[in-house]
Amino acid sequence: MEFSAGAVFLVRYGLAIAIMVPLYLTEKVLALGIASTLLGAPAMGVCVYLSWRILRTETAHR
């Protein structure tokens, strides 16, 4: 189901918002920079990999 692959990205963006907004509002610049770096390309790579695995197993069952 394609929704499962999309849900991975929704979780990633929801997690980013939940972590980064409080850091922004409390003006914790260093922590915000670290969170932004970790939730950027590395998290996107994990999402792409997980989505690929989900879609690959779903097409194998057809």
PDB file of N, CA and C in Angstrom:
ATOM      1  N   MET A   1       0.841  -1.175   0.000  1.00  0.00           N
ATOM      2  CA  MET A   1       0.000   0.000   0.000  1.00  0.00           C
ATOM      3  C   MET A   1       0.891   1.244   0.000  1.00  0.00           C
ATOM      4  N   GLU A   2       0.635   2.142  -0.915  1.00  0.00           N
ATOM      5  CA  GLU A   2       1.463   3.332  -1.062  1.00  0.00           C
ATOM      6  C   GLU A   2       1.349   4.269   0.129  1.00  0.00           C
ATOM      7  N   PHE A   3       0.214   4.192   0.849  1.00  0.00           N
ATOM      8  CA  PHE A   3       0.043   5.039   2.016  1.00  0.00           C
ATOM      9  C   PHE A   3       1.110   4.743   3.062  1.00  0.00           C
ATOM     10  N   SER A   4       1.506   3.502   3.196  1.00  0.00           N
ATOM     11  CA  SER A   4       2.526   3.136   4.175  1.00  0.00           C
ATOM     12  C   SER A   4       3.846   3.821   3.868  1.00  0.00           C
ATOM     13  N   ALA A   5       4.194   3.879   2.594  1.00  0.00           N
ATOM     14  CA  ALA A   5       5.440   4.534   2.202  1.00  0.00           C
ATOM     15  C   ALA A   5       5.342   6.039   2.451  1.00  0.00           C
ATOM     16  N   GLY A   6       4.193   6.608   2.198  1.00  0.00           N
ATOM     17  CA  GLY A   6       3.997   8.032   2.458  1.00  0.00           C
ATOM     18  C   GLY A   6       3.956   8.351   3.937  1.00  0.00           C
ATOM     19  N   ALA A   7       3.464   7.415   4.729  1.00  0.00           N
ATOM     20  CA  ALA A   7       3.385   7.618   6.175  1.00  0.00           C
ATOM     21  C   ALA A   7       4.778   7.766   6.783  1.00  0.00           C
ATOM     22  N   VAL A   8       5.761   7.109   6.198  1.00  0.00           N
ATOM     23  CA  VAL A   8       7.137   7.238   6.684  1.00  0.00           C
ATOM     24  C   VAL A   8       7.573   8.703   6.616  1.00  0.00           C
ATOM     25  N   PHE A   9       7.244   9.368   5.511  1.00  0.00           N
ATOM     26  CA  PHE A   9       7.621  10.769   5.356  1.00  0.00           C
ATOM     27  C   PHE A   9       6.797  11.674   6.267  1.00  0.00           C
ATOM     28  N   LEU A  10       5.528  11.338   6.473  1.00  0.00           N
ATOM     29  CA  LEU A  10       4.710  12.120   7.394  1.00  0.00           C
ATOM     30  C   LEU A  10       5.256  12.062   8.816  1.00  0.00           C
ATOM     31  N   VAL A  11       5.713  10.892   9.224  1.00  0.00           N
ATOM     32  CA  VAL A  11       6.301  10.738  10.556  1.00  0.00           C
ATOM     33  C   VAL A  11       7.573  11.560  10.660  1.00  0.00           C
ATOM     34  N   ARG A  12       8.388  11.552   9.610  1.00  0.00           N
ATOM     35  CA  ARG A  12       9.640  12.306   9.609  1.00  0.00           C
ATOM     36  C   ARG A  12       9.381  13.801   9.772  1.00  0.00           C
ATOM     37  N   TYR A  13       8.423  14.334   9.002  1.00  0.00           N
ATOM     38  CA  TYR A  13       8.137  15.761   9.092  1.00  0.00           C
ATOM     39  C   TYR A  13       7.448  16.115  10.400  1.00  0.00           C
ATOM     40  N   GLY A  14       6.587  15.251  10.893  1.00  0.00           N
ATOM     41  CA  GLY A  14       5.958  15.483  12.185  1.00  0.00           C
ATOM     42  C   GLY A  14       6.972  15.500  13.310  1.00  0.00           C
ATOM     43  N   LEU A  15       7.921  14.588  13.254  1.00  0.00           N
ATOM     44  CA  LEU A  15       8.982  14.534  14.254  1.00  0.00           C
ATOM     45  C   LEU A  15       9.856  15.779  14.181  1.00  0.00           C
ATOM     46  N   ALA A  16      10.158  16.222  12.978  1.00  0.00           N
ATOM     47  CA  ALA A  16      10.972  17.426  12.812  1.00  0.00           C
ATOM     48  C   ALA A  16      10.267  18.645  13.406  1.00  0.00           C
ATOM     49  N   ILE A  17       8.986  18.765  13.158  1.00  0.00           N
ATOM     50  CA  ILE A  17       8.236  19.899  13.705  1.00  0.00           C
ATOM     51  C   ILE A  17       8.184  19.820  15.227  1.00  0.00           C
ATOM     52  N   ALA A  18       7.921  18.625  15.749  1.00  0.00           N
ATOM     53  CA  ALA A  18       7.814  18.449  17.199  1.00  0.00           C
ATOM     54  C   ALA A  18       9.128  18.751  17.911  1.00  0.00           C
ATOM     55  N   ILE A  19      10.246  18.522  17.250  1.00  0.00           N
ATOM     56  CA  ILE A  19      11.541  18.774  17.874  1.00  0.00           C
ATOM     57  C   ILE A  19      12.016  20.201  17.638  1.00  0.00           C
ATOM     58  N   MET A  20      11.864  20.692  16.424  1.00  0.00           N
ATOM     59  CA  MET A  20      12.483  21.967  16.065  1.00  0.00           C
ATOM     60  C   MET A  20      11.701  23.203  16.511  1.00  0.00           C
ATOM     61  N   VAL A  21      10.385  23.139  16.543  1.00  0.00           N
ATOM     62  CA  VAL A  21       9.602  24.324  16.947  1.00  0.00           C
ATOM     63  C   VAL A  21       9.888  24.730  18.397  1.00  0.00           C
ATOM     64  N   PRO A  22       9.882  23.800  19.354  1.00  0.00           N
ATOM     65  CA  PRO A  22      10.215  24.227  20.731  1.00  0.00           C
ATOM     66  C   PRO A  22      11.641  24.782  20.847  1.00  0.00           C
ATOM     67  N   LEU A  23      12.578  24.216  20.098  1.00  0.00           N
ATOM     68  CA  LEU A  23      13.943  24.742  20.135  1.00  0.00           C
ATOM     69  C   LEU A  23      13.997  26.147  19.557  1.00  0.00           C
ATOM     70  N   TYR A  24      13.238  26.380  18.506  1.00  0.00           N
ATOM     71  CA  TYR A  24      13.184  27.711  17.898  1.00  0.00           C
ATOM     72  C   TYR A  24      12.556  28.722  18.851  1.00  0.00           C
ATOM     73  N   LEU A  25      11.470  28.332  19.476  1.00  0.00           N
ATOM     74  CA  LEU A  25      10.764  29.253  20.373  1.00  0.00           C
ATOM     75  C   LEU A  25      11.574  29.585  21.631  1.00  0.00           C
ATOM     76  N   THR A  26      12.407  28.665  22.084  1.00  0.00           N
ATOM     77  CA  THR A  26      13.251  28.920  23.255  1.00  0.00           C
ATOM     78  C   THR A  26      14.618  29.466  22.869  1.00  0.00           C
ATOM     79  N   GLU A  27      14.815  29.708  21.572  1.00  0.00           N
ATOM     80  CA  GLU A  27      16.043  30.312  21.039  1.00  0.00           C
ATOM     81  C   GLU A  27      17.299  29.509  21.368  1.00  0.00           C
ATOM     82  N   LYS A  28      17.202  28.214  21.321  1.00  0.00           N
ATOM     83  CA  LYS A  28      18.369  27.348  21.535  1.00  0.00           C
ATOM     84  C   LYS A  28      18.996  27.064  20.173  1.00  0.00           C
ATOM     85  N   VAL A  29      19.858  27.967  19.748  1.00  0.00           N
ATOM     86  CA  VAL A  29      20.372  27.976  18.388  1.00  0.00           C
ATOM     87  C   VAL A  29      21.262  26.768  18.118  1.00  0.00           C
ATOM     88  N   LEU A  30      22.141  26.437  19.029  1.00  0.00           N
ATOM     89  CA  LEU A  30      23.037  25.304  18.810  1.00  0.00           C
ATOM     90  C   LEU A  30      22.262  23.995  18.708  1.00  0.00           C
ATOM     91  N   ALA A  31      21.326  23.773  19.615  1.00  0.00           N
ATOM     92  CA  ALA A  31      20.515  22.557  19.569  1.00  0.00           C
ATOM     93  C   ALA A  31      19.657  22.523  18.306  1.00  0.00           C
ATOM     94  N   LEU A  32      19.159  23.685  17.888  1.00  0.00           N
ATOM     95  CA  LEU A  32      18.363  23.767  16.670  1.00  0.00           C
ATOM     96  C   LEU A  32      19.206  23.411  15.452  1.00  0.00           C
ATOM     97  N   GLY A  33      20.436  23.876  15.419  1.00  0.00           N
ATOM     98  CA  GLY A  33      21.333  23.544  14.312  1.00  0.00           C
ATOM     99  C   GLY A  33      21.653  22.060  14.259  1.00  0.00           C
ATOM    100  N   ILE A  34      21.878  21.461  15.408  1.00  0.00           N
ATOM    101  CA  ILE A  34      22.164  20.027  15.464  1.00  0.00           C
ATOM    102  C   ILE A  34      20.943  19.230  15.032  1.00  0.00           C
ATOM    103  N   ALA A  35      19.782  19.610  15.538  1.00  0.00           N
ATOM    104  CA  ALA A  35      18.541  18.912  15.175  1.00  0.00           C
ATOM    105  C   ALA A  35      18.255  19.067  13.687  1.00  0.00           C
ATOM    106  N   SER A  36      18.482  20.255  13.164  1.00  0.00           N
ATOM    107  CA  SER A  36      18.244  20.496  11.745  1.00  0.00           C
ATOM    108  C   SER A  36      19.172  19.653  10.879  1.00  0.00           C
ATOM    109  N   THR A  37      20.399  19.525  11.299  1.00  0.00           N
ATOM    110  CA  THR A  37      21.363  18.715  10.550  1.00  0.00           C
ATOM    111  C   THR A  37      20.978  17.240  10.577  1.00  0.00           C
ATOM    112  N   LEU A  38      20.626  16.732  11.746  1.00  0.00           N
ATOM    113  CA  LEU A  38      20.279  15.319  11.876  1.00  0.00           C
ATOM    114  C   LEU A  38      18.946  14.979  11.220  1.00  0.00           C
ATOM    115  N   LEU A  39      18.007  15.925  11.249  1.00  0.00           N
ATOM    116  CA  LEU A  39      16.688  15.680  10.668  1.00  0.00           C
ATOM    117  C   LEU A  39      16.626  16.075   9.198  1.00  0.00           C
ATOM    118  N   GLY A  40      17.757  16.448   8.633  1.00  0.00           N
ATOM    119  CA  GLY A  40      17.823  16.822   7.221  1.00  0.00           C
ATOM    120  C   GLY A  40      18.120  15.615   6.343  1.00  0.00           C
ATOM    121  N   ALA A  41      19.282  15.620   5.734  1.00  0.00           N
ATOM    122  CA  ALA A  41      19.662  14.580   4.771  1.00  0.00           C
ATOM    123  C   ALA A  41      19.712  13.170   5.380  1.00  0.00           C
ATOM    124  N   PRO A  42      20.286  12.978   6.578  1.00  0.00           N
ATOM    125  CA  PRO A  42      20.299  11.615   7.121  1.00  0.00           C
ATOM    126  C   PRO A  42      18.901  11.035   7.329  1.00  0.00           C
ATOM    127  N   ALA A  43      17.992  11.829   7.864  1.00  0.00           N
ATOM    128  CA  ALA A  43      16.627  11.349   8.085  1.00  0.00           C
ATOM    129  C   ALA A  43      15.911  11.102   6.761  1.00  0.00           C
ATOM    130  N   MET A  44      16.174  11.954   5.785  1.00  0.00           N
ATOM    131  CA  MET A  44      15.559  11.759   4.474  1.00  0.00           C
ATOM    132  C   MET A  44      16.067  10.471   3.834  1.00  0.00           C
ATOM    133  N   GLY A  45      17.347  10.179   3.991  1.00  0.00           N
ATOM    134  CA  GLY A  45      17.897   8.932   3.468  1.00  0.00           C
ATOM    135  C   GLY A  45      17.245   7.712   4.102  1.00  0.00           C
ATOM    136  N   VAL A  46      17.026   7.774   5.394  1.00  0.00           N
ATOM    137  CA  VAL A  46      16.345   6.672   6.093  1.00  0.00           C
ATOM    138  C   VAL A  46      14.920   6.524   5.581  1.00  0.00           C
ATOM    139  N   CYS A  47      14.234   7.643   5.365  1.00  0.00           N
ATOM    140  CA  CYS A  47      12.858   7.590   4.854  1.00  0.00           C
ATOM    141  C   CYS A  47      12.805   6.988   3.460  1.00  0.00           C
ATOM    142  N   VAL A  48      13.729   7.390   2.609  1.00  0.00           N
ATOM    143  CA  VAL A  48      13.767   6.839   1.247  1.00  0.00           C
ATOM    144  C   VAL A  48      14.019   5.342   1.293  1.00  0.00           C
ATOM    145  N   TYR A  49      14.960   4.914   2.128  1.00  0.00           N
ATOM    146  CA  TYR A  49      15.265   3.490   2.242  1.00  0.00           C
ATOM    147  C   TYR A  49      14.063   2.701   2.753  1.00  0.00           C
ATOM    148  N   LEU A  50      13.413   3.205   3.807  1.00  0.00           N
ATOM    149  CA  LEU A  50      12.252   2.500   4.359  1.00  0.00           C
ATOM    150  C   LEU A  50      11.100   2.445   3.357  1.00  0.00           C
ATOM    151  N   SER A  51      10.888   3.536   2.637  1.00  0.00           N
ATOM    152  CA  SER A  51       9.829   3.549   1.625  1.00  0.00           C
ATOM    153  C   SER A  51      10.130   2.560   0.516  1.00  0.00           C
ATOM    154  N   TRP A  52      11.369   2.494   0.119  1.00  0.00           N
ATOM    155  CA  TRP A  52      11.776   1.546  -0.922  1.00  0.00           C
ATOM    156  C   TRP A  52      11.527   0.113  -0.457  1.00  0.00           C
ATOM    157  N   ARG A  53      11.877  -0.173   0.804  1.00  0.00           N
ATOM    158  CA  ARG A  53      11.641  -1.520   1.337  1.00  0.00           C
ATOM    159  C   ARG A  53      10.154  -1.842   1.402  1.00  0.00           C
ATOM    160  N   ILE A  54       9.342  -0.886   1.807  1.00  0.00           N
ATOM    161  CA  ILE A  54       7.897  -1.106   1.887  1.00  0.00           C
ATOM    162  C   ILE A  54       7.333  -1.375   0.503  1.00  0.00           C
ATOM    163  N   LEU A  55       7.683  -0.531  -0.456  1.00  0.00           N
ATOM    164  CA  LEU A  55       7.146  -0.685  -1.806  1.00  0.00           C
ATOM    165  C   LEU A  55       7.663  -1.956  -2.468  1.00  0.00           C
ATOM    166  N   ARG A  56       8.903  -2.325  -2.179  1.00  0.00           N
ATOM    167  CA  ARG A  56       9.474  -3.540  -2.761  1.00  0.00           C
ATOM    168  C   ARG A  56       8.764  -4.789  -2.247  1.00  0.00           C
ATOM    169  N   THR A  57       8.469  -4.830  -0.963  1.00  0.00           N
ATOM    170  CA  THR A  57       7.787  -6.018  -0.424  1.00  0.00           C
ATOM    171  C   THR A  57       6.337  -6.075  -0.888  1.00  0.00           C
ATOM    172  N   GLU A  58       5.718  -4.909  -1.063  1.00  0.00           N
ATOM    173  CA  GLU A  58       4.318  -4.900  -1.534  1.00  0.00           C
ATOM    174  C   GLU A  58       4.206  -5.345  -2.972  1.00  0.00           C
ATOM    175  N   THR A  59       5.161  -4.985  -3.811  1.00  0.00           N
ATOM    176  CA  THR A  59       5.097  -5.414  -5.202  1.00  0.00           C
ATOM    177  C   THR A  59       5.488  -6.883  -5.347  1.00  0.00           C
ATOM    178  N   ALA A  60       6.258  -7.407  -4.403  1.00  0.00           N
ATOM    179  CA  ALA A  60       6.648  -8.807  -4.455  1.00  0.00           C
ATOM    180  C   ALA A  60       5.452  -9.717  -4.123  1.00  0.00           C
ATOM    181  N   HIS A  61       4.505  -9.200  -3.334  1.00  0.00           N
ATOM    182  CA  HIS A  61       3.350  -9.994  -2.937  1.00  0.00           C
ATOM    183  C   HIS A  61       2.251 -10.006  -3.990  1.00  0.00           C
ATOM    184  N   ARG A  62       2.381  -9.197  -5.026  1.00  0.00           N
ATOM    185  CA  ARG A  62       1.337  -9.144  -6.057  1.00  0.00           C
ATOM    186  C   ARG A  62       1.478 -10.234  -7.054  1.00  0.00           C
TER     187      ARG A  62
END
